[in-house]
Amino acid sequence: LHASAPPSMQGAPLACIIVPTDDPHLSEYVSERYKRRHFVSRFTGSQGTAVITHDQACLWADGRYFLQAEQQLDPSMWTLMKQHTDGCPTVEEWVRNTLSEGDAVGVDASTFSYSTYESMQKKLDKKGIKLVPTSFNLIDVVRAQLEGEGEEGGSGGKVGGGE
């Protein structure tokens, strides 16, 4: 995934992962444990979706959060995708245009409604890209590894950060 991602993510057979704001209960506001999108991007808005590939990281946010996202995202690692503006692709459109046929997209299916998951899969099927529900949340694994290194270890809690 993102070029500087921890090794456990670089070896995954996935072309990208999608990290929504949602928790398994699809709550509007999530507890600290489920703030995975915030963990990887440092964006604290209550809505947004991160998509992380081996060499790119994008965050989709709506108009309520454009300024906040611009201030919180590291522009050397993240591209802000301004949802619902002219020229901004949806997450599915961006994934279809960026990945190749046969690529796999990792998702924690517990953070997607059934209808959202099915709709996304149908859109990605048009290019032969598959959603792959992971048996565990990849961000939780990275967070546990970084926390195991202590407060100052790792990339400071940012996937794609550090040196």
C-alpha atoms as a PDB file:
ATOM      1  CA  LEU A   1       0.000   0.000   0.000  1.00  0.00           C
ATOM      2  CA  HIS A   2       1.247   3.581   0.390  1.00  0.00           C
ATOM      3  CA  ALA A   3       4.977   3.457  -0.373  1.00  0.00           C
ATOM      4  CA  SER A   4       5.997   4.067   3.235  1.00  0.00           C
ATOM      5  CA  ALA A   5       3.355   1.802   4.735  1.00  0.00           C
ATOM      6  CA  PRO A   6       4.475  -0.634   7.399  1.00  0.00           C
ATOM      7  CA  PRO A   7       5.816  -3.905   5.927  1.00  0.00           C
ATOM      8  CA  SER A   8       2.801  -5.962   7.021  1.00  0.00           C
ATOM      9  CA  MET A   9       0.626  -3.893   4.667  1.00  0.00           C
ATOM     10  CA  GLN A  10       3.142  -3.799   1.806  1.00  0.00           C
ATOM     11  CA  GLY A  11       3.044  -7.596   1.551  1.00  0.00           C
ATOM     12  CA  ALA A  12      -0.750  -7.838   1.349  1.00  0.00           C
ATOM     13  CA  PRO A  13      -2.143  -9.131  -1.972  1.00  0.00           C
ATOM     14  CA  LEU A  14      -4.360  -6.073  -2.284  1.00  0.00           C
ATOM     15  CA  ALA A  15      -4.065  -3.185  -4.705  1.00  0.00           C
ATOM     16  CA  CYS A  16      -5.726  -0.857  -2.215  1.00  0.00           C
ATOM     17  CA  ILE A  17      -7.847  -0.626   0.891  1.00  0.00           C
ATOM     18  CA  ILE A  18     -10.901   1.508   1.541  1.00  0.00           C
ATOM     19  CA  VAL A  19     -11.194   2.979   5.024  1.00  0.00           C
ATOM     20  CA  PRO A  20     -14.597   4.524   5.724  1.00  0.00           C
ATOM     21  CA  THR A  21     -15.575   6.510   8.791  1.00  0.00           C
ATOM     22  CA  ASP A  22     -18.090   3.868   9.849  1.00  0.00           C
ATOM     23  CA  ASP A  23     -17.951   1.334  12.637  1.00  0.00           C
ATOM     24  CA  PRO A  24     -19.714  -2.069  12.625  1.00  0.00           C
ATOM     25  CA  HIS A  25     -22.888  -0.376  13.877  1.00  0.00           C
ATOM     26  CA  LEU A  26     -22.766   2.207  11.053  1.00  0.00           C
ATOM     27  CA  SER A  27     -22.917   4.948  13.695  1.00  0.00           C
ATOM     28  CA  GLU A  28     -22.664   8.588  12.688  1.00  0.00           C
ATOM     29  CA  TYR A  29     -20.121   9.234  15.438  1.00  0.00           C
ATOM     30  CA  VAL A  30     -17.695   6.443  16.251  1.00  0.00           C
ATOM     31  CA  SER A  31     -15.730   5.647  19.403  1.00  0.00           C
ATOM     32  CA  GLU A  32     -11.933   5.992  19.503  1.00  0.00           C
ATOM     33  CA  ARG A  33     -11.508   2.287  18.769  1.00  0.00           C
ATOM     34  CA  TYR A  34     -13.177   2.697  15.373  1.00  0.00           C
ATOM     35  CA  LYS A  35     -11.556   5.972  14.280  1.00  0.00           C
ATOM     36  CA  ARG A  36      -9.492   4.147  11.698  1.00  0.00           C
ATOM     37  CA  ARG A  37      -9.791   6.785   8.982  1.00  0.00           C
ATOM     38  CA  HIS A  38      -8.627   9.388  11.486  1.00  0.00           C
ATOM     39  CA  PHE A  39      -5.727   7.136  12.496  1.00  0.00           C
ATOM     40  CA  VAL A  40      -4.384   6.821   8.952  1.00  0.00           C
ATOM     41  CA  SER A  41      -5.052  10.372   7.753  1.00  0.00           C
ATOM     42  CA  ARG A  42      -5.282  12.572  10.871  1.00  0.00           C
ATOM     43  CA  PHE A  43      -8.512  14.005   9.459  1.00  0.00           C
ATOM     44  CA  THR A  44     -10.990  14.387  12.347  1.00  0.00           C
ATOM     45  CA  GLY A  45     -14.188  15.214  10.466  1.00  0.00           C
ATOM     46  CA  SER A  46     -17.191  13.005  11.168  1.00  0.00           C
ATOM     47  CA  GLN A  47     -17.516  12.029   7.478  1.00  0.00           C
ATOM     48  CA  GLY A  48     -14.962  10.896   4.942  1.00  0.00           C
ATOM     49  CA  THR A  49     -13.492   7.897   3.173  1.00  0.00           C
ATOM     50  CA  ALA A  50      -9.815   7.112   2.720  1.00  0.00           C
ATOM     51  CA  VAL A  51      -8.498   5.026  -0.152  1.00  0.00           C
ATOM     52  CA  ILE A  52      -4.889   3.878   0.134  1.00  0.00           C
ATOM     53  CA  THR A  53      -2.897   2.206  -2.647  1.00  0.00           C
ATOM     54  CA  HIS A  54       0.762   1.215  -2.834  1.00  0.00           C
ATOM     55  CA  ASP A  55       1.674   4.725  -3.938  1.00  0.00           C
ATOM     56  CA  GLN A  56      -1.330   7.001  -3.370  1.00  0.00           C
ATOM     57  CA  ALA A  57      -3.595   8.052  -0.534  1.00  0.00           C
ATOM     58  CA  CYS A  58      -6.833   9.958  -1.157  1.00  0.00           C
ATOM     59  CA  LEU A  59      -9.477  11.233   1.207  1.00  0.00           C
ATOM     60  CA  TRP A  60     -13.042  11.948   0.077  1.00  0.00           C
ATOM     61  CA  ALA A  61     -14.822  14.599   2.147  1.00  0.00           C
ATOM     62  CA  ASP A  62     -17.900  16.695   1.525  1.00  0.00           C
ATOM     63  CA  GLY A  63     -18.138  20.488   1.502  1.00  0.00           C
ATOM     64  CA  ARG A  64     -18.535  20.761   5.265  1.00  0.00           C
ATOM     65  CA  TYR A  65     -14.964  19.530   5.668  1.00  0.00           C
ATOM     66  CA  PHE A  66     -12.905  20.918   2.755  1.00  0.00           C
ATOM     67  CA  LEU A  67     -11.076  23.548   4.821  1.00  0.00           C
ATOM     68  CA  GLN A  68     -10.596  21.230   7.798  1.00  0.00           C
ATOM     69  CA  ALA A  69      -9.243  18.441   5.585  1.00  0.00           C
ATOM     70  CA  GLU A  70      -6.858  20.837   3.831  1.00  0.00           C
ATOM     71  CA  GLN A  71      -5.500  21.832   7.237  1.00  0.00           C
ATOM     72  CA  GLN A  72      -5.250  18.307   8.674  1.00  0.00           C
ATOM     73  CA  LEU A  73      -4.040  16.212   5.740  1.00  0.00           C
ATOM     74  CA  ASP A  74      -0.335  16.043   4.961  1.00  0.00           C
ATOM     75  CA  PRO A  75      -0.263  17.218   1.317  1.00  0.00           C
ATOM     76  CA  SER A  76       2.929  15.285   0.653  1.00  0.00           C
ATOM     77  CA  MET A  77       1.016  12.044   1.274  1.00  0.00           C
ATOM     78  CA  TRP A  78      -2.698  12.785   0.815  1.00  0.00           C
ATOM     79  CA  THR A  79      -4.888  14.090  -1.976  1.00  0.00           C
ATOM     80  CA  LEU A  80      -8.160  15.689  -0.904  1.00  0.00           C
ATOM     81  CA  MET A  81     -11.026  14.569  -3.100  1.00  0.00           C
ATOM     82  CA  LYS A  82     -13.762  17.193  -2.831  1.00  0.00           C
ATOM     83  CA  GLN A  83     -16.936  15.107  -3.020  1.00  0.00           C
ATOM     84  CA  HIS A  84     -19.858  16.403  -5.066  1.00  0.00           C
ATOM     85  CA  THR A  85     -17.779  18.986  -6.934  1.00  0.00           C
ATOM     86  CA  ASP A  86     -17.262  19.128 -10.693  1.00  0.00           C
ATOM     87  CA  GLY A  87     -14.526  16.782 -11.791  1.00  0.00           C
ATOM     88  CA  CYS A  88     -14.297  14.846  -8.536  1.00  0.00           C
ATOM     89  CA  PRO A  89     -14.804  11.136  -9.150  1.00  0.00           C
ATOM     90  CA  THR A  90     -16.636   8.963  -6.673  1.00  0.00           C
ATOM     91  CA  VAL A  91     -14.574   6.450  -4.726  1.00  0.00           C
ATOM     92  CA  GLU A  92     -15.721   3.683  -7.091  1.00  0.00           C
ATOM     93  CA  GLU A  93     -14.906   5.735 -10.206  1.00  0.00           C
ATOM     94  CA  TRP A  94     -11.447   6.580  -8.884  1.00  0.00           C
ATOM     95  CA  VAL A  95     -10.731   2.942  -8.000  1.00  0.00           C
ATOM     96  CA  ARG A  96     -11.920   1.788 -11.449  1.00  0.00           C
ATOM     97  CA  ASN A  97      -9.757   4.418 -13.170  1.00  0.00           C
ATOM     98  CA  THR A  98      -6.692   3.774 -11.019  1.00  0.00           C
ATOM     99  CA  LEU A  99      -6.555   0.008 -10.596  1.00  0.00           C
ATOM    100  CA  SER A 100      -6.261  -2.730 -13.200  1.00  0.00           C
ATOM    101  CA  GLU A 101      -8.481  -5.625 -14.122  1.00  0.00           C
ATOM    102  CA  GLY A 102      -7.970  -8.461 -11.649  1.00  0.00           C
ATOM    103  CA  ASP A 103      -6.895  -6.171  -8.797  1.00  0.00           C
ATOM    104  CA  ALA A 104      -8.374  -6.658  -5.349  1.00  0.00           C
ATOM    105  CA  VAL A 105      -9.641  -3.977  -2.968  1.00  0.00           C
ATOM    106  CA  GLY A 106      -9.535  -4.797   0.726  1.00  0.00           C
ATOM    107  CA  VAL A 107     -12.430  -3.748   2.908  1.00  0.00           C
ATOM    108  CA  ASP A 108     -13.616  -4.494   6.397  1.00  0.00           C
ATOM    109  CA  ALA A 109     -17.114  -5.527   5.345  1.00  0.00           C
ATOM    110  CA  SER A 110     -18.411  -4.896   8.857  1.00  0.00           C
ATOM    111  CA  THR A 111     -17.990  -1.164   8.175  1.00  0.00           C
ATOM    112  CA  PHE A 112     -20.200  -1.180   5.065  1.00  0.00           C
ATOM    113  CA  SER A 113     -23.943  -1.644   4.817  1.00  0.00           C
ATOM    114  CA  TYR A 114     -24.965  -4.574   2.640  1.00  0.00           C
ATOM    115  CA  SER A 115     -26.425  -2.245   0.006  1.00  0.00           C
ATOM    116  CA  THR A 116     -23.280  -0.079  -0.089  1.00  0.00           C
ATOM    117  CA  TYR A 117     -21.045  -3.143  -0.403  1.00  0.00           C
ATOM    118  CA  GLU A 118     -23.168  -4.677  -3.179  1.00  0.00           C
ATOM    119  CA  SER A 119     -23.419  -1.382  -5.069  1.00  0.00           C
ATOM    120  CA  MET A 120     -19.663  -0.845  -4.872  1.00  0.00           C
ATOM    121  CA  GLN A 121     -18.955  -4.401  -6.026  1.00  0.00           C
ATOM    122  CA  LYS A 122     -21.269  -4.021  -9.041  1.00  0.00           C
ATOM    123  CA  LYS A 123     -19.504  -0.811 -10.069  1.00  0.00           C
ATOM    124  CA  LEU A 124     -16.054  -2.363  -9.688  1.00  0.00           C
ATOM    125  CA  ASP A 125     -17.119  -5.565 -11.483  1.00  0.00           C
ATOM    126  CA  LYS A 126     -17.386  -3.479 -14.669  1.00  0.00           C
ATOM    127  CA  LYS A 127     -13.576  -3.481 -14.776  1.00  0.00           C
ATOM    128  CA  GLY A 128     -12.965  -6.875 -13.186  1.00  0.00           C
ATOM    129  CA  ILE A 129     -11.930  -5.428  -9.819  1.00  0.00           C
ATOM    130  CA  LYS A 130     -13.056  -7.364  -6.753  1.00  0.00           C
ATOM    131  CA  LEU A 131     -13.885  -6.235  -3.251  1.00  0.00           C
ATOM    132  CA  VAL A 132     -12.210  -8.578  -0.794  1.00  0.00           C
ATOM    133  CA  PRO A 133     -13.654  -8.637   2.703  1.00  0.00           C
ATOM    134  CA  THR A 134     -10.736  -9.110   5.067  1.00  0.00           C
ATOM    135  CA  SER A 135     -11.019 -11.439   8.035  1.00  0.00           C
ATOM    136  CA  PHE A 136      -9.592  -8.663  10.235  1.00  0.00           C
ATOM    137  CA  ASN A 137      -9.259  -4.914   9.944  1.00  0.00           C
ATOM    138  CA  LEU A 138      -5.875  -4.075   8.433  1.00  0.00           C
ATOM    139  CA  ILE A 139      -5.749  -0.663  10.113  1.00  0.00           C
ATOM    140  CA  ASP A 140      -6.193  -2.304  13.515  1.00  0.00           C
ATOM    141  CA  VAL A 141      -3.174  -4.517  12.778  1.00  0.00           C
ATOM    142  CA  VAL A 142      -1.013  -1.541  11.819  1.00  0.00           C
ATOM    143  CA  ARG A 143      -2.194   0.463  14.819  1.00  0.00           C
ATOM    144  CA  ALA A 144      -1.356  -2.435  17.165  1.00  0.00           C
ATOM    145  CA  GLN A 145       2.118  -2.743  15.612  1.00  0.00           C
ATOM    146  CA  LEU A 146       2.802   0.972  15.978  1.00  0.00           C
ATOM    147  CA  GLU A 147       1.469   1.117  19.527  1.00  0.00           C
ATOM    148  CA  GLY A 148       3.731  -1.820  20.344  1.00  0.00           C
ATOM    149  CA  GLU A 149       6.691   0.362  19.341  1.00  0.00           C
ATOM    150  CA  GLY A 150       5.710   2.996  21.909  1.00  0.00           C
ATOM    151  CA  GLU A 151       4.522   6.565  21.660  1.00  0.00           C
ATOM    152  CA  GLU A 152       7.471   7.728  19.565  1.00  0.00           C
ATOM    153  CA  GLY A 153       7.867   4.619  17.405  1.00  0.00           C
ATOM    154  CA  GLY A 154       6.742   3.945  13.893  1.00  0.00           C
ATOM    155  CA  SER A 155       5.292   6.643  11.685  1.00  0.00           C
ATOM    156  CA  GLY A 156       3.584   8.666  14.373  1.00  0.00           C
ATOM    157  CA  GLY A 157       0.338   6.846  13.709  1.00  0.00           C
ATOM    158  CA  LYS A 158       0.112   7.739  10.036  1.00  0.00           C
ATOM    159  CA  VAL A 159       0.096   5.041   7.409  1.00  0.00           C
ATOM    160  CA  GLY A 160       2.567   6.241   4.850  1.00  0.00           C
ATOM    161  CA  GLY A 161       4.343   8.480   7.359  1.00  0.00           C
ATOM    162  CA  GLY A 162       7.674   8.162   9.058  1.00  0.00           C
ATOM    163  CA  GLU A 163      11.061   7.661   7.536  1.00  0.00           C
END
